[in-house]
Amino acid sequence: MSHRLFLLPLLAASLSFSASPSVNREIDGLLATLRTSGCKFQRNGSWYDGPKAVEHLQEKRTWLDKRGKILSTEDFIRWAGTQSSLSGKAYAVKCPDKPQVSSEAFLQDALKRLRAQR
């Protein structure tokens, strides 16, 4: 009986999930779009350029992925790309010559365009 208890942590570890390669490719595509867009990203009242925004979102992605929270690209958008985990404030994106939009709208639109290219 005690040998079964020993196997429980191993079984639990094997049940953790990680994003599939195709989901990771889509997320990488979203981050590349933001990085090179020339748009500004608002987080907790401050504006950041694309590379700095991507750095922050990548940190959130890593944290969430280690916990098995990202099983789809939509999960990434929902859990990492829409609002601050600390303050709960929504993120926004402002691109040159375009109205400000929620980061969720920006990322969903970018995802639609990525999927249409396939």
C-alpha atoms as a PDB file:
ATOM      1  CA  MET A   1       0.000   0.000   0.000  1.00  0.00           C
ATOM      2  CA  SER A   2       2.750   2.500   0.848  1.00  0.00           C
ATOM      3  CA  HIS A   3       4.322   2.091  -2.595  1.00  0.00           C
ATOM      4  CA  ARG A   4       1.084   3.418  -4.105  1.00  0.00           C
ATOM      5  CA  LEU A   5       1.378   6.622  -2.078  1.00  0.00           C
ATOM      6  CA  PHE A   6       4.865   7.061  -3.480  1.00  0.00           C
ATOM      7  CA  LEU A   7       3.457   6.993  -7.018  1.00  0.00           C
ATOM      8  CA  LEU A   8       0.867   9.744  -6.420  1.00  0.00           C
ATOM      9  CA  PRO A   9       3.297  12.685  -6.855  1.00  0.00           C
ATOM     10  CA  LEU A  10       4.655  11.090 -10.022  1.00  0.00           C
ATOM     11  CA  LEU A  11       1.142  10.631 -11.385  1.00  0.00           C
ATOM     12  CA  ALA A  12       0.198  14.212 -10.492  1.00  0.00           C
ATOM     13  CA  ALA A  13       3.317  15.544 -12.231  1.00  0.00           C
ATOM     14  CA  SER A  14       2.524  13.584 -15.371  1.00  0.00           C
ATOM     15  CA  LEU A  15      -0.953  15.164 -15.495  1.00  0.00           C
ATOM     16  CA  SER A  16       0.322  18.730 -15.814  1.00  0.00           C
ATOM     17  CA  PHE A  17      -0.452  20.174 -19.215  1.00  0.00           C
ATOM     18  CA  SER A  18       1.487  22.489 -21.451  1.00  0.00           C
ATOM     19  CA  ALA A  19       0.574  24.353 -24.591  1.00  0.00           C
ATOM     20  CA  SER A  20       0.879  22.331 -27.781  1.00  0.00           C
ATOM     21  CA  PRO A  21       3.435  23.270 -30.434  1.00  0.00           C
ATOM     22  CA  SER A  22       0.700  24.766 -32.641  1.00  0.00           C
ATOM     23  CA  VAL A  23      -0.599  26.917 -29.761  1.00  0.00           C
ATOM     24  CA  ASN A  24       2.952  28.054 -28.983  1.00  0.00           C
ATOM     25  CA  ARG A  25       3.449  29.008 -32.649  1.00  0.00           C
ATOM     26  CA  GLU A  26       0.278  31.101 -32.596  1.00  0.00           C
ATOM     27  CA  ILE A  27       1.262  32.823 -29.354  1.00  0.00           C
ATOM     28  CA  ASP A  28       4.734  33.494 -30.772  1.00  0.00           C
ATOM     29  CA  GLY A  29       3.011  35.004 -33.824  1.00  0.00           C
ATOM     30  CA  LEU A  30       0.838  37.266 -31.654  1.00  0.00           C
ATOM     31  CA  LEU A  31       3.858  38.447 -29.697  1.00  0.00           C
ATOM     32  CA  ALA A  32       5.809  39.089 -32.905  1.00  0.00           C
ATOM     33  CA  THR A  33       2.884  41.119 -34.246  1.00  0.00           C
ATOM     34  CA  LEU A  34       2.805  43.272 -31.116  1.00  0.00           C
ATOM     35  CA  ARG A  35       6.603  43.594 -30.983  1.00  0.00           C
ATOM     36  CA  THR A  36       6.862  44.934 -34.536  1.00  0.00           C
ATOM     37  CA  SER A  37       3.550  46.817 -34.776  1.00  0.00           C
ATOM     38  CA  GLY A  38       4.759  50.244 -33.713  1.00  0.00           C
ATOM     39  CA  CYS A  39       1.848  50.268 -31.265  1.00  0.00           C
ATOM     40  CA  LYS A  40       1.973  51.286 -27.613  1.00  0.00           C
ATOM     41  CA  PHE A  41       0.705  48.982 -24.875  1.00  0.00           C
ATOM     42  CA  GLN A  42      -0.909  50.377 -21.744  1.00  0.00           C
ATOM     43  CA  ARG A  43      -0.449  48.517 -18.474  1.00  0.00           C
ATOM     44  CA  ASN A  44      -1.503  49.945 -15.109  1.00  0.00           C
ATOM     45  CA  GLY A  45      -1.679  53.478 -16.475  1.00  0.00           C
ATOM     46  CA  SER A  46       1.749  53.491 -18.174  1.00  0.00           C
ATOM     47  CA  TRP A  47       2.494  53.115 -21.883  1.00  0.00           C
ATOM     48  CA  TYR A  48       5.165  50.733 -23.179  1.00  0.00           C
ATOM     49  CA  ASP A  49       6.575  50.075 -26.628  1.00  0.00           C
ATOM     50  CA  GLY A  50       5.995  46.722 -28.314  1.00  0.00           C
ATOM     51  CA  PRO A  51       9.219  45.001 -27.222  1.00  0.00           C
ATOM     52  CA  LYS A  52       8.695  45.979 -23.564  1.00  0.00           C
ATOM     53  CA  ALA A  53       5.054  44.839 -23.714  1.00  0.00           C
ATOM     54  CA  VAL A  54       6.104  41.505 -25.205  1.00  0.00           C
ATOM     55  CA  GLU A  55       8.695  41.053 -22.465  1.00  0.00           C
ATOM     56  CA  HIS A  56       5.955  41.459 -19.844  1.00  0.00           C
ATOM     57  CA  LEU A  57       3.495  39.167 -21.633  1.00  0.00           C
ATOM     58  CA  GLN A  58       6.209  36.547 -22.095  1.00  0.00           C
ATOM     59  CA  GLU A  59       6.836  36.532 -18.331  1.00  0.00           C
ATOM     60  CA  LYS A  60       3.115  36.001 -17.723  1.00  0.00           C
ATOM     61  CA  ARG A  61       3.069  33.286 -20.389  1.00  0.00           C
ATOM     62  CA  THR A  62       5.914  31.409 -18.721  1.00  0.00           C
ATOM     63  CA  TRP A  63       4.254  31.615 -15.307  1.00  0.00           C
ATOM     64  CA  LEU A  64       0.891  30.431 -16.662  1.00  0.00           C
ATOM     65  CA  ASP A  65       2.377  27.685 -18.824  1.00  0.00           C
ATOM     66  CA  LYS A  66       4.259  26.199 -15.859  1.00  0.00           C
ATOM     67  CA  ARG A  67       0.893  25.864 -14.152  1.00  0.00           C
ATOM     68  CA  GLY A  68      -0.854  24.308 -17.142  1.00  0.00           C
ATOM     69  CA  LYS A  69      -3.146  27.304 -17.676  1.00  0.00           C
ATOM     70  CA  ILE A  70      -2.500  27.787 -21.398  1.00  0.00           C
ATOM     71  CA  LEU A  71      -4.071  25.045 -23.488  1.00  0.00           C
ATOM     72  CA  SER A  72      -5.188  27.329 -26.329  1.00  0.00           C
ATOM     73  CA  THR A  73      -4.179  30.647 -27.811  1.00  0.00           C
ATOM     74  CA  GLU A  74      -7.440  32.045 -26.484  1.00  0.00           C
ATOM     75  CA  ASP A  75      -6.331  30.987 -22.978  1.00  0.00           C
ATOM     76  CA  PHE A  76      -3.166  33.034 -23.446  1.00  0.00           C
ATOM     77  CA  ILE A  77      -5.175  36.059 -24.520  1.00  0.00           C
ATOM     78  CA  ARG A  78      -7.647  35.628 -21.647  1.00  0.00           C
ATOM     79  CA  TRP A  79      -5.155  34.942 -18.844  1.00  0.00           C
ATOM     80  CA  ALA A  80      -2.089  36.920 -19.951  1.00  0.00           C
ATOM     81  CA  GLY A  81      -3.144  39.510 -22.515  1.00  0.00           C
ATOM     82  CA  THR A  82      -6.228  41.274 -21.220  1.00  0.00           C
ATOM     83  CA  GLN A  83      -5.586  42.700 -17.779  1.00  0.00           C
ATOM     84  CA  SER A  84      -3.110  43.127 -14.970  1.00  0.00           C
ATOM     85  CA  SER A  85      -2.979  40.163 -12.635  1.00  0.00           C
ATOM     86  CA  LEU A  86      -2.126  42.512  -9.782  1.00  0.00           C
ATOM     87  CA  SER A  87      -4.464  45.480 -10.237  1.00  0.00           C
ATOM     88  CA  GLY A  88      -7.169  43.928 -12.421  1.00  0.00           C
ATOM     89  CA  LYS A  89      -6.955  46.941 -14.768  1.00  0.00           C
ATOM     90  CA  ALA A  90      -7.551  46.184 -18.439  1.00  0.00           C
ATOM     91  CA  TYR A  91      -4.687  46.536 -20.894  1.00  0.00           C
ATOM     92  CA  ALA A  92      -5.057  48.777 -23.958  1.00  0.00           C
ATOM     93  CA  VAL A  93      -3.252  49.167 -27.280  1.00  0.00           C
ATOM     94  CA  LYS A  94      -2.806  52.390 -29.256  1.00  0.00           C
ATOM     95  CA  CYS A  95      -1.477  52.114 -32.789  1.00  0.00           C
ATOM     96  CA  PRO A  96      -0.431  55.063 -34.963  1.00  0.00           C
ATOM     97  CA  ASP A  97      -3.371  56.716 -36.737  1.00  0.00           C
ATOM     98  CA  LYS A  98      -5.887  54.327 -35.141  1.00  0.00           C
ATOM     99  CA  PRO A  99      -8.195  54.609 -32.133  1.00  0.00           C
ATOM    100  CA  GLN A 100      -7.152  52.992 -28.872  1.00  0.00           C
ATOM    101  CA  VAL A 101      -8.560  49.477 -28.385  1.00  0.00           C
ATOM    102  CA  SER A 102      -8.508  46.894 -25.635  1.00  0.00           C
ATOM    103  CA  SER A 103      -5.544  44.551 -25.784  1.00  0.00           C
ATOM    104  CA  GLU A 104      -8.046  41.717 -26.045  1.00  0.00           C
ATOM    105  CA  ALA A 105      -9.476  43.209 -29.253  1.00  0.00           C
ATOM    106  CA  PHE A 106      -5.970  43.816 -30.645  1.00  0.00           C
ATOM    107  CA  LEU A 107      -4.830  40.249 -29.893  1.00  0.00           C
ATOM    108  CA  GLN A 108      -8.054  38.625 -31.128  1.00  0.00           C
ATOM    109  CA  ASP A 109      -7.793  40.564 -34.388  1.00  0.00           C
ATOM    110  CA  ALA A 110      -4.137  39.561 -34.769  1.00  0.00           C
ATOM    111  CA  LEU A 111      -5.084  35.931 -34.112  1.00  0.00           C
ATOM    112  CA  LYS A 112      -7.777  36.036 -36.811  1.00  0.00           C
ATOM    113  CA  ARG A 113      -5.248  37.415 -39.288  1.00  0.00           C
ATOM    114  CA  LEU A 114      -2.643  34.746 -38.348  1.00  0.00           C
ATOM    115  CA  ARG A 115      -5.184  31.954 -38.774  1.00  0.00           C
ATOM    116  CA  ALA A 116      -6.357  33.374 -42.111  1.00  0.00           C
ATOM    117  CA  GLN A 117      -2.773  33.253 -43.394  1.00  0.00           C
ATOM    118  CA  ARG A 118      -2.523  29.504 -42.793  1.00  0.00           C
END
